[in-house]
Amino acid sequence: MFFMKTYRKYFMIVGLTWAGCLILFVCAYMVAIGPQQKRKEQVENQLVETKRLYDSAMNADQEETKVRANEEIETLRNKLKDFVVDFEESANLTFDISQIASEKKVDSFSIKNQEKTRLSAGNDLKYLQENHINLSFVGDFNQFATFLNALERHKPVFFVDNFRIIRSQQNDSKHKVNMNLAVFVLKQQDS
């Protein structure tokens, strides 16, 4: 029994020593090594990002990449022409709309540019402005639909803000239509 008591005391001292060392090592890990791991991950992420930028810069220097980028820019400029008219050509828009109206044979056609040009959705756009045009004409529903379809297929695109159809008092099915259009115009650039 004496032998058990001696070893029991010995095992207790060894166990407490191991537990104390374990707690000390866990605290040292949390204070010294844990932050190093996070810093290592940050440095590795920065390395990956820097390698990506380097590869991008090396690709940009290649002639075929320059040609592909120029082709993409030209494609995007052509798409932009579908939706935006140059400032110098904006005066021709009323003529284009009048020509569409005469093709669709609408009666009592009138067109008026709104004096105010407002920015789309209140955004302060640097290169674009929104011009508004008021139209009124008399026609039946089919004339209205074909005229509206022709306006929306026009290049540059006319956006119909709103329209109002006032029913005819006679039974001739010719109704008065008021329509507000919007078109994007490149702002005049100071050279």
C-alpha atoms as a PDB file:
ATOM      1  CA  MET A   1       0.000   0.000   0.000  1.00  0.00           C
ATOM      2  CA  PHE A   2       2.841   2.270   0.808  1.00  0.00           C
ATOM      3  CA  PHE A   3       4.058   1.618  -2.689  1.00  0.00           C
ATOM      4  CA  MET A   4       0.653   2.754  -4.127  1.00  0.00           C
ATOM      5  CA  LYS A   5       0.645   5.945  -2.112  1.00  0.00           C
ATOM      6  CA  THR A   6       4.106   6.847  -3.333  1.00  0.00           C
ATOM      7  CA  TYR A   7       3.263   6.222  -6.960  1.00  0.00           C
ATOM      8  CA  ARG A   8      -0.070   7.959  -6.593  1.00  0.00           C
ATOM      9  CA  LYS A   9       1.707  11.084  -5.406  1.00  0.00           C
ATOM     10  CA  TYR A  10       4.206  10.713  -8.250  1.00  0.00           C
ATOM     11  CA  PHE A  11       1.434  10.288 -10.870  1.00  0.00           C
ATOM     12  CA  MET A  12      -0.407  13.296  -9.456  1.00  0.00           C
ATOM     13  CA  ILE A  13       2.709  15.494  -9.761  1.00  0.00           C
ATOM     14  CA  VAL A  14       3.426  14.244 -13.292  1.00  0.00           C
ATOM     15  CA  GLY A  15      -0.233  14.761 -14.352  1.00  0.00           C
ATOM     16  CA  LEU A  16      -0.352  18.315 -12.985  1.00  0.00           C
ATOM     17  CA  THR A  17       2.964  19.114 -14.654  1.00  0.00           C
ATOM     18  CA  TRP A  18       1.666  17.829 -18.004  1.00  0.00           C
ATOM     19  CA  ALA A  19      -1.612  19.733 -17.616  1.00  0.00           C
ATOM     20  CA  GLY A  20       0.257  22.938 -16.759  1.00  0.00           C
ATOM     21  CA  CYS A  21       2.571  22.498 -19.768  1.00  0.00           C
ATOM     22  CA  LEU A  22      -0.407  21.815 -22.028  1.00  0.00           C
ATOM     23  CA  ILE A  23      -2.135  25.003 -20.870  1.00  0.00           C
ATOM     24  CA  LEU A  24       1.128  26.935 -21.318  1.00  0.00           C
ATOM     25  CA  PHE A  25       1.597  25.555 -24.864  1.00  0.00           C
ATOM     26  CA  VAL A  26      -2.011  26.350 -25.841  1.00  0.00           C
ATOM     27  CA  CYS A  27      -1.597  29.922 -24.597  1.00  0.00           C
ATOM     28  CA  ALA A  28       1.729  30.273 -26.446  1.00  0.00           C
ATOM     29  CA  TYR A  29       0.102  28.979 -29.636  1.00  0.00           C
ATOM     30  CA  MET A  30      -2.773  31.450 -29.372  1.00  0.00           C
ATOM     31  CA  VAL A  31      -0.457  34.382 -28.667  1.00  0.00           C
ATOM     32  CA  ALA A  32       2.493  33.644 -30.933  1.00  0.00           C
ATOM     33  CA  ILE A  33       1.655  31.121 -33.641  1.00  0.00           C
ATOM     34  CA  GLY A  34      -2.073  31.750 -34.278  1.00  0.00           C
ATOM     35  CA  PRO A  35      -1.631  35.346 -35.546  1.00  0.00           C
ATOM     36  CA  GLN A  36       1.270  34.157 -37.696  1.00  0.00           C
ATOM     37  CA  GLN A  37      -1.082  31.719 -39.440  1.00  0.00           C
ATOM     38  CA  LYS A  38      -3.544  34.513 -40.255  1.00  0.00           C
ATOM     39  CA  ARG A  39      -0.744  36.731 -41.505  1.00  0.00           C
ATOM     40  CA  LYS A  40       0.564  33.868 -43.646  1.00  0.00           C
ATOM     41  CA  GLU A  41      -2.889  33.449 -45.259  1.00  0.00           C
ATOM     42  CA  GLN A  42      -3.060  37.188 -45.977  1.00  0.00           C
ATOM     43  CA  VAL A  43       0.389  37.138 -47.577  1.00  0.00           C
ATOM     44  CA  GLU A  44      -0.568  34.112 -49.688  1.00  0.00           C
ATOM     45  CA  ASN A  45      -3.748  35.906 -50.871  1.00  0.00           C
ATOM     46  CA  GLN A  46      -1.705  38.986 -51.767  1.00  0.00           C
ATOM     47  CA  LEU A  47       0.733  36.778 -53.658  1.00  0.00           C
ATOM     48  CA  VAL A  48      -2.083  35.188 -55.663  1.00  0.00           C
ATOM     49  CA  GLU A  49      -3.544  38.626 -56.486  1.00  0.00           C
ATOM     50  CA  THR A  50      -0.121  39.982 -57.476  1.00  0.00           C
ATOM     51  CA  LYS A  51       0.483  36.954 -59.717  1.00  0.00           C
ATOM     52  CA  ARG A  52      -2.902  37.523 -61.360  1.00  0.00           C
ATOM     53  CA  LEU A  53      -2.069  41.185 -62.010  1.00  0.00           C
ATOM     54  CA  TYR A  54       1.345  40.219 -63.353  1.00  0.00           C
ATOM     55  CA  ASP A  55      -0.160  37.655 -65.728  1.00  0.00           C
ATOM     56  CA  SER A  56      -2.736  40.214 -66.828  1.00  0.00           C
ATOM     57  CA  ALA A  57      -0.016  42.772 -67.501  1.00  0.00           C
ATOM     58  CA  MET A  58       2.024  40.228 -69.452  1.00  0.00           C
ATOM     59  CA  ASN A  59      -1.037  39.317 -71.548  1.00  0.00           C
ATOM     60  CA  ALA A  60      -1.820  42.973 -72.178  1.00  0.00           C
ATOM     61  CA  ASP A  61       1.642  43.419 -73.630  1.00  0.00           C
ATOM     62  CA  GLN A  62       1.042  40.745 -76.260  1.00  0.00           C
ATOM     63  CA  GLU A  63      -0.038  41.966 -79.672  1.00  0.00           C
ATOM     64  CA  GLU A  64      -2.955  39.535 -80.054  1.00  0.00           C
ATOM     65  CA  THR A  65      -4.394  40.710 -76.726  1.00  0.00           C
ATOM     66  CA  LYS A  66      -4.224  44.319 -77.916  1.00  0.00           C
ATOM     67  CA  VAL A  67      -5.980  43.398 -81.163  1.00  0.00           C
ATOM     68  CA  ARG A  68      -8.685  41.459 -79.287  1.00  0.00           C
ATOM     69  CA  ALA A  69      -9.209  44.373 -76.865  1.00  0.00           C
ATOM     70  CA  ASN A  70      -9.499  46.858 -79.752  1.00  0.00           C
ATOM     71  CA  GLU A  71     -12.033  44.588 -81.488  1.00  0.00           C
ATOM     72  CA  GLU A  72     -14.079  44.369 -78.301  1.00  0.00           C
ATOM     73  CA  ILE A  73     -13.982  48.152 -77.883  1.00  0.00           C
ATOM     74  CA  GLU A  74     -15.160  48.612 -81.474  1.00  0.00           C
ATOM     75  CA  THR A  75     -17.992  46.098 -80.965  1.00  0.00           C
ATOM     76  CA  LEU A  76     -19.116  47.927 -77.832  1.00  0.00           C
ATOM     77  CA  ARG A  77     -19.007  51.284 -79.652  1.00  0.00           C
ATOM     78  CA  ASN A  78     -21.226  49.848 -82.383  1.00  0.00           C
ATOM     79  CA  LYS A  79     -23.687  48.572 -79.769  1.00  0.00           C
ATOM     80  CA  LEU A  80     -23.666  52.004 -78.154  1.00  0.00           C
ATOM     81  CA  LYS A  81     -24.691  53.559 -81.481  1.00  0.00           C
ATOM     82  CA  ASP A  82     -27.901  51.492 -81.291  1.00  0.00           C
ATOM     83  CA  PHE A  83     -28.945  53.347 -78.127  1.00  0.00           C
ATOM     84  CA  VAL A  84     -27.214  56.742 -78.229  1.00  0.00           C
ATOM     85  CA  VAL A  85     -27.200  59.472 -80.855  1.00  0.00           C
ATOM     86  CA  ASP A  86     -24.403  62.030 -81.312  1.00  0.00           C
ATOM     87  CA  PHE A  87     -25.170  65.579 -80.241  1.00  0.00           C
ATOM     88  CA  GLU A  88     -24.805  66.889 -83.815  1.00  0.00           C
ATOM     89  CA  GLU A  89     -27.275  64.303 -85.138  1.00  0.00           C
ATOM     90  CA  SER A  90     -29.901  64.885 -82.453  1.00  0.00           C
ATOM     91  CA  ALA A  91     -31.560  67.575 -84.567  1.00  0.00           C
ATOM     92  CA  ASN A  92     -32.391  64.925 -87.194  1.00  0.00           C
ATOM     93  CA  LEU A  93     -34.458  62.881 -84.724  1.00  0.00           C
ATOM     94  CA  THR A  94     -37.622  64.934 -85.247  1.00  0.00           C
ATOM     95  CA  PHE A  95     -37.236  64.474 -89.000  1.00  0.00           C
ATOM     96  CA  ASP A  96     -36.840  60.700 -88.539  1.00  0.00           C
ATOM     97  CA  ILE A  97     -39.955  60.520 -86.361  1.00  0.00           C
ATOM     98  CA  SER A  98     -41.940  62.606 -88.850  1.00  0.00           C
ATOM     99  CA  GLN A  99     -40.845  60.302 -91.646  1.00  0.00           C
ATOM    100  CA  ILE A 100     -41.991  57.236 -89.677  1.00  0.00           C
ATOM    101  CA  ALA A 101     -45.340  58.935 -89.021  1.00  0.00           C
ATOM    102  CA  SER A 102     -45.857  59.645 -92.719  1.00  0.00           C
ATOM    103  CA  GLU A 103     -44.970  56.013 -93.591  1.00  0.00           C
ATOM    104  CA  LYS A 104     -47.551  54.758 -91.085  1.00  0.00           C
ATOM    105  CA  LYS A 105     -50.111  57.269 -92.405  1.00  0.00           C
ATOM    106  CA  VAL A 106     -51.180  58.767 -89.090  1.00  0.00           C
ATOM    107  CA  ASP A 107     -53.347  61.899 -89.207  1.00  0.00           C
ATOM    108  CA  SER A 108     -52.867  65.293 -87.530  1.00  0.00           C
ATOM    109  CA  PHE A 109     -49.291  64.530 -86.598  1.00  0.00           C
ATOM    110  CA  SER A 110     -47.405  67.063 -84.487  1.00  0.00           C
ATOM    111  CA  ILE A 111     -44.046  66.842 -82.808  1.00  0.00           C
ATOM    112  CA  LYS A 112     -42.439  69.065 -80.204  1.00  0.00           C
ATOM    113  CA  ASN A 113     -39.120  68.888 -78.389  1.00  0.00           C
ATOM    114  CA  GLN A 114     -39.300  69.535 -74.689  1.00  0.00           C
ATOM    115  CA  GLU A 115     -37.096  72.411 -73.684  1.00  0.00           C
ATOM    116  CA  LYS A 116     -35.854  70.727 -70.552  1.00  0.00           C
ATOM    117  CA  THR A 117     -33.516  67.820 -70.871  1.00  0.00           C
ATOM    118  CA  ARG A 118     -33.336  65.852 -67.707  1.00  0.00           C
ATOM    119  CA  LEU A 119     -30.907  63.263 -66.546  1.00  0.00           C
ATOM    120  CA  SER A 120     -32.012  59.685 -66.349  1.00  0.00           C
ATOM    121  CA  ALA A 121     -33.146  58.610 -62.879  1.00  0.00           C
ATOM    122  CA  GLY A 122     -31.578  61.711 -61.348  1.00  0.00           C
ATOM    123  CA  ASN A 123     -28.053  60.475 -62.082  1.00  0.00           C
ATOM    124  CA  ASP A 124     -25.472  63.086 -62.923  1.00  0.00           C
ATOM    125  CA  LEU A 125     -24.196  61.500 -66.113  1.00  0.00           C
ATOM    126  CA  LYS A 126     -20.943  62.827 -67.479  1.00  0.00           C
ATOM    127  CA  TYR A 127     -21.354  61.936 -71.159  1.00  0.00           C
ATOM    128  CA  LEU A 128     -25.090  61.353 -71.714  1.00  0.00           C
ATOM    129  CA  GLN A 129     -28.234  63.391 -71.491  1.00  0.00           C
ATOM    130  CA  GLU A 130     -31.823  62.416 -72.044  1.00  0.00           C
ATOM    131  CA  ASN A 131     -33.837  64.404 -74.599  1.00  0.00           C
ATOM    132  CA  HIS A 132     -37.627  64.265 -74.475  1.00  0.00           C
ATOM    133  CA  ILE A 133     -39.981  64.586 -77.413  1.00  0.00           C
ATOM    134  CA  ASN A 134     -43.778  65.017 -77.306  1.00  0.00           C
ATOM    135  CA  LEU A 135     -45.863  63.556 -80.133  1.00  0.00           C
ATOM    136  CA  SER A 136     -49.535  63.734 -80.868  1.00  0.00           C
ATOM    137  CA  PHE A 137     -51.500  62.198 -83.729  1.00  0.00           C
ATOM    138  CA  VAL A 138     -54.829  60.694 -84.641  1.00  0.00           C
ATOM    139  CA  GLY A 139     -55.174  57.108 -85.766  1.00  0.00           C
ATOM    140  CA  ASP A 140     -56.781  53.757 -85.160  1.00  0.00           C
ATOM    141  CA  PHE A 141     -55.297  51.094 -82.914  1.00  0.00           C
ATOM    142  CA  ASN A 142     -53.413  49.320 -85.719  1.00  0.00           C
ATOM    143  CA  GLN A 143     -51.791  52.572 -86.830  1.00  0.00           C
ATOM    144  CA  PHE A 144     -50.815  53.276 -83.221  1.00  0.00           C
ATOM    145  CA  ALA A 145     -49.332  49.791 -82.781  1.00  0.00           C
ATOM    146  CA  THR A 146     -47.337  49.850 -86.029  1.00  0.00           C
ATOM    147  CA  PHE A 147     -46.121  53.397 -85.327  1.00  0.00           C
ATOM    148  CA  LEU A 148     -45.048  52.414 -81.806  1.00  0.00           C
ATOM    149  CA  ASN A 149     -43.304  49.302 -83.127  1.00  0.00           C
ATOM    150  CA  ALA A 150     -41.431  51.351 -85.750  1.00  0.00           C
ATOM    151  CA  LEU A 151     -40.312  53.867 -83.124  1.00  0.00           C
ATOM    152  CA  GLU A 152     -38.963  51.172 -80.827  1.00  0.00           C
ATOM    153  CA  ARG A 153     -37.091  49.466 -83.686  1.00  0.00           C
ATOM    154  CA  HIS A 154     -35.471  52.718 -84.817  1.00  0.00           C
ATOM    155  CA  LYS A 155     -31.705  53.128 -84.453  1.00  0.00           C
ATOM    156  CA  PRO A 156     -30.919  54.856 -82.121  1.00  0.00           C
ATOM    157  CA  VAL A 157     -33.701  53.464 -80.001  1.00  0.00           C
ATOM    158  CA  PHE A 158     -36.535  55.761 -78.929  1.00  0.00           C
ATOM    159  CA  PHE A 159     -37.792  54.916 -75.462  1.00  0.00           C
ATOM    160  CA  VAL A 160     -41.509  55.473 -74.903  1.00  0.00           C
ATOM    161  CA  ASP A 161     -41.862  57.144 -71.498  1.00  0.00           C
ATOM    162  CA  ASN A 162     -45.625  57.179 -71.573  1.00  0.00           C
ATOM    163  CA  PHE A 163     -48.577  57.518 -73.891  1.00  0.00           C
ATOM    164  CA  ARG A 164     -52.231  58.389 -73.579  1.00  0.00           C
ATOM    165  CA  ILE A 165     -55.020  57.446 -75.961  1.00  0.00           C
ATOM    166  CA  ILE A 166     -58.111  59.626 -75.902  1.00  0.00           C
ATOM    167  CA  ARG A 167     -61.150  57.851 -77.247  1.00  0.00           C
ATOM    168  CA  SER A 168     -62.871  59.430 -80.215  1.00  0.00           C
ATOM    169  CA  GLN A 169     -66.326  60.932 -79.618  1.00  0.00           C
ATOM    170  CA  GLN A 170     -67.445  59.781 -83.062  1.00  0.00           C
ATOM    171  CA  ASN A 171     -67.647  56.175 -84.108  1.00  0.00           C
ATOM    172  CA  ASP A 172     -64.887  56.451 -86.706  1.00  0.00           C
ATOM    173  CA  SER A 173     -62.346  54.555 -84.512  1.00  0.00           C
ATOM    174  CA  LYS A 174     -59.731  57.287 -84.984  1.00  0.00           C
ATOM    175  CA  HIS A 175     -58.452  58.194 -81.537  1.00  0.00           C
ATOM    176  CA  LYS A 176     -56.136  60.975 -80.394  1.00  0.00           C
ATOM    177  CA  VAL A 177     -52.764  59.734 -79.094  1.00  0.00           C
ATOM    178  CA  ASN A 178     -50.297  61.720 -77.007  1.00  0.00           C
ATOM    179  CA  MET A 179     -46.899  60.156 -76.550  1.00  0.00           C
ATOM    180  CA  ASN A 180     -43.714  61.157 -74.717  1.00  0.00           C
ATOM    181  CA  LEU A 181     -40.448  59.741 -76.029  1.00  0.00           C
ATOM    182  CA  ALA A 182     -36.955  59.790 -74.607  1.00  0.00           C
ATOM    183  CA  VAL A 183     -33.676  59.361 -76.441  1.00  0.00           C
ATOM    184  CA  PHE A 184     -30.106  59.264 -75.142  1.00  0.00           C
ATOM    185  CA  VAL A 185     -27.802  61.892 -76.609  1.00  0.00           C
ATOM    186  CA  LEU A 186     -24.063  62.229 -76.172  1.00  0.00           C
ATOM    187  CA  LYS A 187     -23.345  65.536 -74.488  1.00  0.00           C
ATOM    188  CA  GLN A 188     -21.462  68.095 -76.500  1.00  0.00           C
ATOM    189  CA  GLN A 189     -17.818  67.772 -75.533  1.00  0.00           C
ATOM    190  CA  ASP A 190     -15.667  70.858 -75.199  1.00  0.00           C
ATOM    191  CA  SER A 191     -12.571  70.388 -77.325  1.00  0.00           C
END
